[in-house]
Amino acid sequence: MKTTTVSAALSALSLCLCPAMGQTIAPEFASDYSFTDLGSASNVPASYGGLFIRPSEPNTLYLAGSANTGNGALYAVPLSRDVDGRITGFAGPGTRVADAPNNDGGIVLDPGGLVSFARYPTNAYGQIDLATGLVVNNIDLTAFGVAASSSSVNFIPANYPGAGGMRIASWSGGQYYEIDYSVGAGGIISIHGATQVVGSTLPGGPEGFAYVPLGSAQFANPSMIVSEYSAGSVAVYEMDSNGNPIIASRRLFMSGLTGAEGAAIDPVTGAFLFSTFGGGNRVVVVDGFEVPAPGALALAAGAGLVALRRRR
């Protein structure tokens, strides 16, 4: 991964090259949270990028394959759940459903009803229309001052500080940006500016990030959860009044990983899911989080908003 800075990545990873099965929940959280390693999804080519579940399709995992390459694509993978709704495994092989060239850790449903994704190493932002399987938008982020290269994108859900805000992070420097954007006809997003958030640079080589379901155990304040590729870990941060990470609040959530990549919240149970780029190319589900309230993910899932302008 990240072929333009391989030596830097290998140097960081030399501190944490643990086998995939060496992953553990940090002691602080172990009494409330547990994980299930689902392994690799059949028919989804390595290396894995980001992932998400649509609220309207709770038994389908969308998982990006061939990440960081021009052949990158999005795959629909059927899921198995137990009687309580918890994800227990894959129910079949993945099916290619869309182009996703140069996909990276961040790939999410967006306010326009499309799929937004960060593109590495091209330092771009793109959108996918699942109805056609095509990329319908591509924006060069270098022109807006975003550090090469973008690795993740997300939109802050309702009821969190900064709700509706668009955020982009870069690998490996961890630069974190507030994005001024609007949603136009057909859900196409236009970017009008990017402002680096002083004091919110993410350590550990950030990839995908998501928002911890409100009311979850040991999370008294709104928080975000980040897959740290370079550090081989997952960390959590409290959010400030603008919805940005408070770096001093960082707590290690999970360690012993190789290539922590995507990040997503299960709309059914609130479980946190992440993928790995390398490390066996796996999907891991962490249970114990609060079930999201009905409609809590509505903004991120897209409500067909038109000409909506979101600033800081």
C-alpha atoms as a PDB file:
ATOM      1  CA  MET A   1       0.000   0.000   0.000  1.00  0.00           C
ATOM      2  CA  LYS A   2       1.054   3.615  -0.522  1.00  0.00           C
ATOM      3  CA  THR A   3       3.736   2.798  -3.040  1.00  0.00           C
ATOM      4  CA  THR A   4       5.051   6.353  -3.127  1.00  0.00           C
ATOM      5  CA  THR A   5       6.122   6.123   0.533  1.00  0.00           C
ATOM      6  CA  VAL A   6       6.795   2.438   1.034  1.00  0.00           C
ATOM      7  CA  SER A   7       9.879   2.922   3.205  1.00  0.00           C
ATOM      8  CA  ALA A   8       8.017   5.226   5.583  1.00  0.00           C
ATOM      9  CA  ALA A   9       5.164   2.751   5.877  1.00  0.00           C
ATOM     10  CA  LEU A  10       7.479  -0.187   6.479  1.00  0.00           C
ATOM     11  CA  SER A  11       9.368   1.760   9.125  1.00  0.00           C
ATOM     12  CA  ALA A  12       6.132   2.510  10.998  1.00  0.00           C
ATOM     13  CA  LEU A  13       4.833  -1.013  10.592  1.00  0.00           C
ATOM     14  CA  SER A  14       8.050  -2.582  11.870  1.00  0.00           C
ATOM     15  CA  LEU A  15       6.818  -1.651  15.335  1.00  0.00           C
ATOM     16  CA  CYS A  16       3.548  -3.573  14.985  1.00  0.00           C
ATOM     17  CA  LEU A  17       3.816  -6.366  12.427  1.00  0.00           C
ATOM     18  CA  CYS A  18       1.655  -8.785  14.380  1.00  0.00           C
ATOM     19  CA  PRO A  19      -0.202 -11.748  12.907  1.00  0.00           C
ATOM     20  CA  ALA A  20      -3.822 -10.990  12.025  1.00  0.00           C
ATOM     21  CA  MET A  21      -4.986 -13.231  14.887  1.00  0.00           C
ATOM     22  CA  GLY A  22      -2.877 -11.192  17.359  1.00  0.00           C
ATOM     23  CA  GLN A  23      -5.458  -8.429  17.356  1.00  0.00           C
ATOM     24  CA  THR A  24      -6.851  -7.512  20.758  1.00  0.00           C
ATOM     25  CA  ILE A  25      -9.285  -5.061  22.325  1.00  0.00           C
ATOM     26  CA  ALA A  26      -7.474  -2.639  24.639  1.00  0.00           C
ATOM     27  CA  PRO A  27      -7.907  -3.565  28.332  1.00  0.00           C
ATOM     28  CA  GLU A  28      -9.830  -0.343  28.976  1.00  0.00           C
ATOM     29  CA  PHE A  29     -12.599  -1.490  26.631  1.00  0.00           C
ATOM     30  CA  ALA A  30     -12.391  -5.291  26.898  1.00  0.00           C
ATOM     31  CA  SER A  31     -15.216  -5.637  29.417  1.00  0.00           C
ATOM     32  CA  ASP A  32     -17.742  -3.987  27.091  1.00  0.00           C
ATOM     33  CA  TYR A  33     -16.565  -4.859  23.584  1.00  0.00           C
ATOM     34  CA  SER A  34     -15.635  -8.021  21.677  1.00  0.00           C
ATOM     35  CA  PHE A  35     -14.670  -8.765  18.087  1.00  0.00           C
ATOM     36  CA  THR A  36     -15.261 -11.389  15.426  1.00  0.00           C
ATOM     37  CA  ASP A  37     -12.719 -11.845  12.642  1.00  0.00           C
ATOM     38  CA  LEU A  38     -14.760 -12.767   9.556  1.00  0.00           C
ATOM     39  CA  GLY A  39     -11.653 -13.500   7.496  1.00  0.00           C
ATOM     40  CA  SER A  40     -11.537 -12.782   3.768  1.00  0.00           C
ATOM     41  CA  ALA A  41     -14.561 -12.355   1.526  1.00  0.00           C
ATOM     42  CA  SER A  42     -14.596 -14.774  -1.409  1.00  0.00           C
ATOM     43  CA  ASN A  43     -14.277 -13.173  -4.849  1.00  0.00           C
ATOM     44  CA  VAL A  44     -13.155  -9.769  -3.512  1.00  0.00           C
ATOM     45  CA  PRO A  45      -9.604  -9.201  -4.752  1.00  0.00           C
ATOM     46  CA  ALA A  46      -6.829  -7.993  -2.472  1.00  0.00           C
ATOM     47  CA  SER A  47      -6.015  -5.494  -1.240  1.00  0.00           C
ATOM     48  CA  TYR A  48      -9.115  -4.340   0.649  1.00  0.00           C
ATOM     49  CA  GLY A  49     -10.153  -0.707   0.808  1.00  0.00           C
ATOM     50  CA  GLY A  50     -13.117   0.824   2.619  1.00  0.00           C
ATOM     51  CA  LEU A  51     -16.513  -0.689   3.398  1.00  0.00           C
ATOM     52  CA  PHE A  52     -20.074   0.248   4.368  1.00  0.00           C
ATOM     53  CA  ILE A  53     -23.594  -1.141   4.896  1.00  0.00           C
ATOM     54  CA  ARG A  54     -26.659   0.621   3.488  1.00  0.00           C
ATOM     55  CA  PRO A  55     -29.532   0.898   6.010  1.00  0.00           C
ATOM     56  CA  SER A  56     -31.869  -0.219   3.222  1.00  0.00           C
ATOM     57  CA  GLU A  57     -29.773  -3.373   2.613  1.00  0.00           C
ATOM     58  CA  PRO A  58     -28.692  -4.531   6.075  1.00  0.00           C
ATOM     59  CA  ASN A  59     -27.614  -7.975   4.898  1.00  0.00           C
ATOM     60  CA  THR A  60     -25.174  -6.708   2.281  1.00  0.00           C
ATOM     61  CA  LEU A  61     -21.656  -5.481   2.951  1.00  0.00           C
ATOM     62  CA  TYR A  62     -20.164  -3.208   0.314  1.00  0.00           C
ATOM     63  CA  LEU A  63     -16.414  -3.824   0.311  1.00  0.00           C
ATOM     64  CA  ALA A  64     -13.809  -2.245  -1.967  1.00  0.00           C
ATOM     65  CA  GLY A  65     -11.179  -4.469  -3.575  1.00  0.00           C
ATOM     66  CA  SER A  66      -7.938  -3.884  -5.512  1.00  0.00           C
ATOM     67  CA  ALA A  67      -7.485  -0.753  -3.418  1.00  0.00           C
ATOM     68  CA  ASN A  68      -5.091   1.984  -4.509  1.00  0.00           C
ATOM     69  CA  THR A  69      -5.089   0.712  -8.109  1.00  0.00           C
ATOM     70  CA  GLY A  70      -6.796   1.753 -11.308  1.00  0.00           C
ATOM     71  CA  ASN A  71      -8.624  -1.589 -11.283  1.00  0.00           C
ATOM     72  CA  GLY A  72     -10.251  -0.889  -7.918  1.00  0.00           C
ATOM     73  CA  ALA A  73     -13.915  -1.849  -7.644  1.00  0.00           C
ATOM     74  CA  LEU A  74     -16.773  -2.161  -5.177  1.00  0.00           C
ATOM     75  CA  TYR A  75     -18.208  -5.575  -4.300  1.00  0.00           C
ATOM     76  CA  ALA A  76     -21.507  -6.561  -2.650  1.00  0.00           C
ATOM     77  CA  VAL A  77     -20.965  -9.360  -0.129  1.00  0.00           C
ATOM     78  CA  PRO A  78     -23.964 -11.101   1.533  1.00  0.00           C
ATOM     79  CA  LEU A  79     -23.885 -11.213   5.334  1.00  0.00           C
ATOM     80  CA  SER A  80     -25.112 -13.735   7.893  1.00  0.00           C
ATOM     81  CA  ARG A  81     -26.656 -12.502  11.157  1.00  0.00           C
ATOM     82  CA  ASP A  82     -27.758 -14.309  14.308  1.00  0.00           C
ATOM     83  CA  VAL A  83     -31.198 -14.017  15.940  1.00  0.00           C
ATOM     84  CA  ASP A  84     -30.100 -10.793  17.648  1.00  0.00           C
ATOM     85  CA  GLY A  85     -28.977  -9.256  14.370  1.00  0.00           C
ATOM     86  CA  ARG A  86     -25.258  -9.536  15.051  1.00  0.00           C
ATOM     87  CA  ILE A  87     -23.055 -10.153  12.021  1.00  0.00           C
ATOM     88  CA  THR A  88     -21.594 -13.659  12.176  1.00  0.00           C
ATOM     89  CA  GLY A  89     -20.013 -14.196   8.766  1.00  0.00           C
ATOM     90  CA  PHE A  90     -20.260 -14.016   5.001  1.00  0.00           C
ATOM     91  CA  ALA A  91     -23.223 -15.785   3.396  1.00  0.00           C
ATOM     92  CA  GLY A  92     -21.664 -16.053  -0.055  1.00  0.00           C
ATOM     93  CA  PRO A  93     -19.092 -14.640  -2.446  1.00  0.00           C
ATOM     94  CA  GLY A  94     -18.826 -10.996  -3.366  1.00  0.00           C
ATOM     95  CA  THR A  95     -20.274  -9.643  -6.614  1.00  0.00           C
ATOM     96  CA  ARG A  96     -18.662  -6.736  -8.439  1.00  0.00           C
ATOM     97  CA  VAL A  97     -21.192  -3.894  -8.554  1.00  0.00           C
ATOM     98  CA  ALA A  98     -19.275  -0.710  -9.343  1.00  0.00           C
ATOM     99  CA  ASP A  99     -16.037   0.852 -10.466  1.00  0.00           C
ATOM    100  CA  ALA A 100     -13.958   2.335  -7.642  1.00  0.00           C
ATOM    101  CA  PRO A 101     -10.523   3.088  -9.119  1.00  0.00           C
ATOM    102  CA  ASN A 102      -7.845   4.109  -6.615  1.00  0.00           C
ATOM    103  CA  ASN A 103     -10.209   3.513  -3.698  1.00  0.00           C
ATOM    104  CA  ASP A 104      -8.675   3.814  -0.240  1.00  0.00           C
ATOM    105  CA  GLY A 105      -9.828   3.487   3.375  1.00  0.00           C
ATOM    106  CA  GLY A 106     -12.623   6.019   3.162  1.00  0.00           C
ATOM    107  CA  ILE A 107     -15.724   5.021   1.193  1.00  0.00           C
ATOM    108  CA  VAL A 108     -19.127   6.095   2.522  1.00  0.00           C
ATOM    109  CA  LEU A 109     -22.722   6.840   1.680  1.00  0.00           C
ATOM    110  CA  ASP A 110     -23.143  10.571   1.193  1.00  0.00           C
ATOM    111  CA  PRO A 111     -25.835  13.263   1.580  1.00  0.00           C
ATOM    112  CA  GLY A 112     -26.587  13.226  -2.145  1.00  0.00           C
ATOM    113  CA  GLY A 113     -27.579   9.562  -2.148  1.00  0.00           C
ATOM    114  CA  LEU A 114     -24.382   8.490  -3.906  1.00  0.00           C
ATOM    115  CA  VAL A 115     -21.175   6.882  -2.600  1.00  0.00           C
ATOM    116  CA  SER A 116     -18.223   9.138  -1.803  1.00  0.00           C
ATOM    117  CA  PHE A 117     -14.659   7.853  -1.735  1.00  0.00           C
ATOM    118  CA  ALA A 118     -11.120   9.119  -1.243  1.00  0.00           C
ATOM    119  CA  ARG A 119      -8.721   8.265  -4.074  1.00  0.00           C
ATOM    120  CA  TYR A 120      -5.089   7.298  -3.449  1.00  0.00           C
ATOM    121  CA  PRO A 121      -2.479   8.072  -4.706  1.00  0.00           C
ATOM    122  CA  THR A 122      -4.209  10.492  -7.088  1.00  0.00           C
ATOM    123  CA  ASN A 123      -5.220  12.787  -4.193  1.00  0.00           C
ATOM    124  CA  ALA A 124      -8.772  13.084  -5.439  1.00  0.00           C
ATOM    125  CA  TYR A 125     -12.351  12.836  -4.234  1.00  0.00           C
ATOM    126  CA  GLY A 126     -14.854  10.762  -6.192  1.00  0.00           C
ATOM    127  CA  GLN A 127     -18.487   9.681  -6.220  1.00  0.00           C
ATOM    128  CA  ILE A 128     -20.037   6.427  -7.420  1.00  0.00           C
ATOM    129  CA  ASP A 129     -23.613   5.903  -8.581  1.00  0.00           C
ATOM    130  CA  LEU A 130     -24.603   2.402  -7.458  1.00  0.00           C
ATOM    131  CA  ALA A 131     -27.510   2.423  -9.908  1.00  0.00           C
ATOM    132  CA  THR A 132     -25.109   2.465 -12.857  1.00  0.00           C
ATOM    133  CA  GLY A 133     -21.916   1.201 -11.215  1.00  0.00           C
ATOM    134  CA  LEU A 134     -19.996   4.164 -12.596  1.00  0.00           C
ATOM    135  CA  VAL A 135     -17.834   6.922 -11.161  1.00  0.00           C
ATOM    136  CA  VAL A 136     -19.846  10.101 -11.734  1.00  0.00           C
ATOM    137  CA  ASN A 137     -17.626  12.687 -10.072  1.00  0.00           C
ATOM    138  CA  ASN A 138     -13.903  13.251  -9.636  1.00  0.00           C
ATOM    139  CA  ILE A 139     -12.329  16.308  -8.014  1.00  0.00           C
ATOM    140  CA  ASP A 140      -8.605  17.045  -7.768  1.00  0.00           C
ATOM    141  CA  LEU A 141      -7.916  17.866  -4.112  1.00  0.00           C
ATOM    142  CA  THR A 142      -4.400  19.176  -4.636  1.00  0.00           C
ATOM    143  CA  ALA A 143      -5.926  22.344  -6.069  1.00  0.00           C
ATOM    144  CA  PHE A 144      -7.609  22.927  -2.697  1.00  0.00           C
ATOM    145  CA  GLY A 145      -4.391  22.473  -0.710  1.00  0.00           C
ATOM    146  CA  VAL A 146      -5.100  18.935   0.518  1.00  0.00           C
ATOM    147  CA  ALA A 147      -1.847  17.086   1.263  1.00  0.00           C
ATOM    148  CA  ALA A 148      -1.052  14.088  -0.922  1.00  0.00           C
ATOM    149  CA  SER A 149      -2.760  11.883  -0.678  1.00  0.00           C
ATOM    150  CA  SER A 150      -6.315  11.798   0.512  1.00  0.00           C
ATOM    151  CA  SER A 151      -7.121   8.517   2.264  1.00  0.00           C
ATOM    152  CA  SER A 152     -10.533   9.006   3.820  1.00  0.00           C
ATOM    153  CA  VAL A 153     -13.748  10.990   3.651  1.00  0.00           C
ATOM    154  CA  ASN A 154     -16.863  11.060   5.814  1.00  0.00           C
ATOM    155  CA  PHE A 155     -19.884  13.179   6.703  1.00  0.00           C
ATOM    156  CA  ILE A 156     -20.801  13.907  10.334  1.00  0.00           C
ATOM    157  CA  PRO A 157     -24.192  12.345  11.171  1.00  0.00           C
ATOM    158  CA  ALA A 158     -27.143  14.111  12.767  1.00  0.00           C
ATOM    159  CA  ASN A 159     -26.980  14.865  16.512  1.00  0.00           C
ATOM    160  CA  TYR A 160     -23.168  15.098  16.551  1.00  0.00           C
ATOM    161  CA  PRO A 161     -21.222  18.375  16.748  1.00  0.00           C
ATOM    162  CA  GLY A 162     -20.787  19.760  13.250  1.00  0.00           C
ATOM    163  CA  ALA A 163     -23.610  17.608  11.849  1.00  0.00           C
ATOM    164  CA  GLY A 164     -23.603  17.526   8.069  1.00  0.00           C
ATOM    165  CA  GLY A 165     -19.979  18.555   7.846  1.00  0.00           C
ATOM    166  CA  MET A 166     -17.694  16.890   5.329  1.00  0.00           C
ATOM    167  CA  ARG A 167     -14.246  15.837   6.481  1.00  0.00           C
ATOM    168  CA  ILE A 168     -11.221  14.489   4.591  1.00  0.00           C
ATOM    169  CA  ALA A 169      -7.995  13.039   6.011  1.00  0.00           C
ATOM    170  CA  SER A 170      -4.659  12.351   4.303  1.00  0.00           C
ATOM    171  CA  TRP A 171      -2.226   9.471   4.644  1.00  0.00           C
ATOM    172  CA  SER A 172       0.441   9.349   5.977  1.00  0.00           C
ATOM    173  CA  GLY A 173       0.753  12.796   7.504  1.00  0.00           C
ATOM    174  CA  GLY A 174      -2.693  12.716   9.082  1.00  0.00           C
ATOM    175  CA  GLN A 175      -3.710  16.172   7.876  1.00  0.00           C
ATOM    176  CA  TYR A 176      -7.419  16.661   8.611  1.00  0.00           C
ATOM    177  CA  TYR A 177      -9.666  19.029   6.672  1.00  0.00           C
ATOM    178  CA  GLU A 178     -13.041  20.711   6.937  1.00  0.00           C
ATOM    179  CA  ILE A 179     -14.589  20.768   3.469  1.00  0.00           C
ATOM    180  CA  ASP A 180     -16.887  23.492   2.202  1.00  0.00           C
ATOM    181  CA  TYR A 181     -19.261  21.707  -0.165  1.00  0.00           C
ATOM    182  CA  SER A 182     -22.660  21.755  -1.809  1.00  0.00           C
ATOM    183  CA  VAL A 183     -24.911  19.039  -3.200  1.00  0.00           C
ATOM    184  CA  GLY A 184     -26.368  19.632  -6.637  1.00  0.00           C
ATOM    185  CA  ALA A 185     -28.669  17.893  -9.060  1.00  0.00           C
ATOM    186  CA  GLY A 186     -28.338  14.123  -9.101  1.00  0.00           C
ATOM    187  CA  GLY A 187     -26.528  14.185  -5.767  1.00  0.00           C
ATOM    188  CA  ILE A 188     -23.286  15.477  -7.301  1.00  0.00           C
ATOM    189  CA  ILE A 189     -21.102  17.173  -4.694  1.00  0.00           C
ATOM    190  CA  SER A 190     -19.079  20.296  -5.477  1.00  0.00           C
ATOM    191  CA  ILE A 191     -16.136  21.270  -3.286  1.00  0.00           C
ATOM    192  CA  HIS A 192     -15.568  24.990  -2.743  1.00  0.00           C
ATOM    193  CA  GLY A 193     -12.706  24.917  -0.287  1.00  0.00           C
ATOM    194  CA  ALA A 194     -10.689  22.845   2.174  1.00  0.00           C
ATOM    195  CA  THR A 195      -9.408  24.150   5.510  1.00  0.00           C
ATOM    196  CA  GLN A 196      -6.823  22.175   7.447  1.00  0.00           C
ATOM    197  CA  VAL A 197      -7.905  21.952  11.082  1.00  0.00           C
ATOM    198  CA  VAL A 198      -5.057  23.202  13.262  1.00  0.00           C
ATOM    199  CA  GLY A 199      -4.477  20.870  16.185  1.00  0.00           C
ATOM    200  CA  SER A 200      -6.449  17.971  14.694  1.00  0.00           C
ATOM    201  CA  THR A 201      -3.711  16.218  12.730  1.00  0.00           C
ATOM    202  CA  LEU A 202      -4.322  12.490  13.233  1.00  0.00           C
ATOM    203  CA  PRO A 203      -1.361  10.283  14.236  1.00  0.00           C
ATOM    204  CA  GLY A 204      -0.811   6.683  13.216  1.00  0.00           C
ATOM    205  CA  GLY A 205      -1.386   7.042   9.478  1.00  0.00           C
ATOM    206  CA  PRO A 206      -5.188   7.452   9.342  1.00  0.00           C
ATOM    207  CA  GLU A 207      -7.365   5.607   6.883  1.00  0.00           C
ATOM    208  CA  GLY A 208     -11.128   5.133   7.316  1.00  0.00           C
ATOM    209  CA  PHE A 209     -12.917   6.817  10.215  1.00  0.00           C
ATOM    210  CA  ALA A 210     -16.470   6.591  11.533  1.00  0.00           C
ATOM    211  CA  TYR A 211     -18.603   8.005  14.345  1.00  0.00           C
ATOM    212  CA  VAL A 212     -19.183   6.042  17.562  1.00  0.00           C
ATOM    213  CA  PRO A 213     -22.926   5.464  18.124  1.00  0.00           C
ATOM    214  CA  LEU A 214     -24.158   7.881  20.776  1.00  0.00           C
ATOM    215  CA  GLY A 215     -24.681   6.366  24.215  1.00  0.00           C
ATOM    216  CA  SER A 216     -22.117   3.593  23.741  1.00  0.00           C
ATOM    217  CA  ALA A 217     -20.390   2.267  26.848  1.00  0.00           C
ATOM    218  CA  GLN A 218     -17.318   4.266  27.916  1.00  0.00           C
ATOM    219  CA  PHE A 219     -18.100   7.073  25.471  1.00  0.00           C
ATOM    220  CA  ALA A 220     -19.553   9.894  27.539  1.00  0.00           C
ATOM    221  CA  ASN A 221     -19.038  12.430  24.750  1.00  0.00           C
ATOM    222  CA  PRO A 222     -19.509  12.313  20.954  1.00  0.00           C
ATOM    223  CA  SER A 223     -16.530  10.478  19.509  1.00  0.00           C
ATOM    224  CA  MET A 224     -14.989   9.206  16.305  1.00  0.00           C
ATOM    225  CA  ILE A 225     -13.152   5.943  15.694  1.00  0.00           C
ATOM    226  CA  VAL A 226     -10.160   5.763  13.342  1.00  0.00           C
ATOM    227  CA  SER A 227      -8.390   2.910  11.561  1.00  0.00           C
ATOM    228  CA  GLU A 228      -4.674   3.648  11.862  1.00  0.00           C
ATOM    229  CA  TYR A 229      -2.891   1.851   9.040  1.00  0.00           C
ATOM    230  CA  SER A 230       0.688   2.804   9.895  1.00  0.00           C
ATOM    231  CA  ALA A 231       0.338   2.138  13.621  1.00  0.00           C
ATOM    232  CA  GLY A 232      -1.540  -1.151  13.186  1.00  0.00           C
ATOM    233  CA  SER A 233      -4.303  -0.053  15.508  1.00  0.00           C
ATOM    234  CA  VAL A 234      -7.751   1.448  15.947  1.00  0.00           C
ATOM    235  CA  ALA A 235      -8.074   4.555  18.135  1.00  0.00           C
ATOM    236  CA  VAL A 236     -10.921   6.714  19.409  1.00  0.00           C
ATOM    237  CA  TYR A 237     -11.136  10.476  19.874  1.00  0.00           C
ATOM    238  CA  GLU A 238     -13.634  12.815  21.446  1.00  0.00           C
ATOM    239  CA  MET A 239     -15.002  15.499  19.130  1.00  0.00           C
ATOM    240  CA  ASP A 240     -14.828  19.242  19.745  1.00  0.00           C
ATOM    241  CA  SER A 241     -17.710  21.663  19.214  1.00  0.00           C
ATOM    242  CA  ASN A 242     -17.002  21.758  15.463  1.00  0.00           C
ATOM    243  CA  GLY A 243     -17.012  17.969  15.139  1.00  0.00           C
ATOM    244  CA  ASN A 244     -13.247  17.597  14.833  1.00  0.00           C
ATOM    245  CA  PRO A 245     -11.014  15.160  16.767  1.00  0.00           C
ATOM    246  CA  ILE A 246      -9.435  16.317  20.027  1.00  0.00           C
ATOM    247  CA  ILE A 247      -6.010  14.744  19.649  1.00  0.00           C
ATOM    248  CA  ALA A 248      -5.219  14.867  23.376  1.00  0.00           C
ATOM    249  CA  SER A 249      -8.261  12.668  24.026  1.00  0.00           C
ATOM    250  CA  ARG A 250      -6.889   9.745  21.962  1.00  0.00           C
ATOM    251  CA  ARG A 251      -7.456   6.301  23.486  1.00  0.00           C
ATOM    252  CA  LEU A 252      -6.189   3.056  22.006  1.00  0.00           C
ATOM    253  CA  PHE A 253      -9.163   0.851  21.200  1.00  0.00           C
ATOM    254  CA  MET A 254      -7.622  -2.114  19.380  1.00  0.00           C
ATOM    255  CA  SER A 255      -4.060  -3.194  18.623  1.00  0.00           C
ATOM    256  CA  GLY A 256      -2.108  -6.031  17.032  1.00  0.00           C
ATOM    257  CA  LEU A 257      -3.390  -5.265  13.531  1.00  0.00           C
ATOM    258  CA  THR A 258      -1.697  -5.265  10.164  1.00  0.00           C
ATOM    259  CA  GLY A 259      -3.051  -2.745   7.696  1.00  0.00           C
ATOM    260  CA  ALA A 260      -6.151  -1.343   9.470  1.00  0.00           C
ATOM    261  CA  GLU A 261      -8.005   0.260   6.579  1.00  0.00           C
ATOM    262  CA  GLY A 262     -11.766   0.829   6.275  1.00  0.00           C
ATOM    263  CA  ALA A 263     -14.219   1.960   8.951  1.00  0.00           C
ATOM    264  CA  ALA A 264     -18.006   1.640   9.129  1.00  0.00           C
ATOM    265  CA  ILE A 265     -20.924   1.395  11.559  1.00  0.00           C
ATOM    266  CA  ASP A 266     -23.532  -1.354  11.209  1.00  0.00           C
ATOM    267  CA  PRO A 267     -26.945   0.399  11.086  1.00  0.00           C
ATOM    268  CA  VAL A 268     -28.619  -2.658  12.648  1.00  0.00           C
ATOM    269  CA  THR A 269     -26.507  -3.248  15.771  1.00  0.00           C
ATOM    270  CA  GLY A 270     -24.105  -0.302  15.929  1.00  0.00           C
ATOM    271  CA  ALA A 271     -21.135  -2.663  15.515  1.00  0.00           C
ATOM    272  CA  PHE A 272     -17.915  -1.166  14.211  1.00  0.00           C
ATOM    273  CA  LEU A 273     -16.535  -2.877  11.112  1.00  0.00           C
ATOM    274  CA  PHE A 274     -13.097  -2.436   9.635  1.00  0.00           C
ATOM    275  CA  SER A 275     -11.158  -4.001   6.797  1.00  0.00           C
ATOM    276  CA  THR A 276      -7.433  -4.611   6.435  1.00  0.00           C
ATOM    277  CA  PHE A 277      -5.175  -3.794   3.521  1.00  0.00           C
ATOM    278  CA  GLY A 278      -2.859  -6.786   3.744  1.00  0.00           C
ATOM    279  CA  GLY A 279      -2.732  -8.736   6.980  1.00  0.00           C
ATOM    280  CA  GLY A 280      -4.737 -11.426   5.235  1.00  0.00           C
ATOM    281  CA  ASN A 281      -7.209  -8.894   3.780  1.00  0.00           C
ATOM    282  CA  ARG A 282      -9.864  -9.422   6.422  1.00  0.00           C
ATOM    283  CA  VAL A 283     -13.050  -7.898   7.754  1.00  0.00           C
ATOM    284  CA  VAL A 284     -13.411  -7.555  11.523  1.00  0.00           C
ATOM    285  CA  VAL A 285     -16.632  -6.796  13.415  1.00  0.00           C
ATOM    286  CA  VAL A 286     -16.523  -5.224  16.887  1.00  0.00           C
ATOM    287  CA  ASP A 287     -19.724  -5.637  18.921  1.00  0.00           C
ATOM    288  CA  GLY A 288     -20.826  -3.824  22.060  1.00  0.00           C
ATOM    289  CA  PHE A 289     -21.663  -0.382  20.710  1.00  0.00           C
ATOM    290  CA  GLU A 290     -25.099   1.153  21.158  1.00  0.00           C
ATOM    291  CA  VAL A 291     -27.711   0.505  18.465  1.00  0.00           C
ATOM    292  CA  PRO A 292     -28.091   3.707  16.407  1.00  0.00           C
ATOM    293  CA  ALA A 293     -31.426   5.441  16.898  1.00  0.00           C
ATOM    294  CA  PRO A 294     -33.818   5.246  13.913  1.00  0.00           C
ATOM    295  CA  GLY A 295     -32.736   7.846  11.397  1.00  0.00           C
ATOM    296  CA  ALA A 296     -29.442   8.530  13.187  1.00  0.00           C
ATOM    297  CA  LEU A 297     -27.499   7.796   9.980  1.00  0.00           C
ATOM    298  CA  ALA A 298     -29.981   9.565   7.694  1.00  0.00           C
ATOM    299  CA  LEU A 299     -27.690  12.397   6.685  1.00  0.00           C
ATOM    300  CA  ALA A 300     -24.778  10.107   5.891  1.00  0.00           C
ATOM    301  CA  ALA A 301     -27.102   7.731   4.050  1.00  0.00           C
ATOM    302  CA  GLY A 302     -28.352  10.479   1.794  1.00  0.00           C
ATOM    303  CA  ALA A 303     -31.706  12.218   1.709  1.00  0.00           C
ATOM    304  CA  GLY A 304     -31.633  13.502  -1.840  1.00  0.00           C
ATOM    305  CA  LEU A 305     -30.538  16.948  -0.668  1.00  0.00           C
ATOM    306  CA  VAL A 306     -30.098  19.537  -3.408  1.00  0.00           C
ATOM    307  CA  ALA A 307     -27.964  22.651  -3.281  1.00  0.00           C
ATOM    308  CA  LEU A 308     -27.117  22.126   0.381  1.00  0.00           C
ATOM    309  CA  ARG A 309     -24.111  24.149   1.452  1.00  0.00           C
ATOM    310  CA  ARG A 310     -22.169  22.991   4.511  1.00  0.00           C
ATOM    311  CA  ARG A 311     -19.471  25.104   6.102  1.00  0.00           C
ATOM    312  CA  ARG A 312     -17.583  24.897   9.352  1.00  0.00           C
END
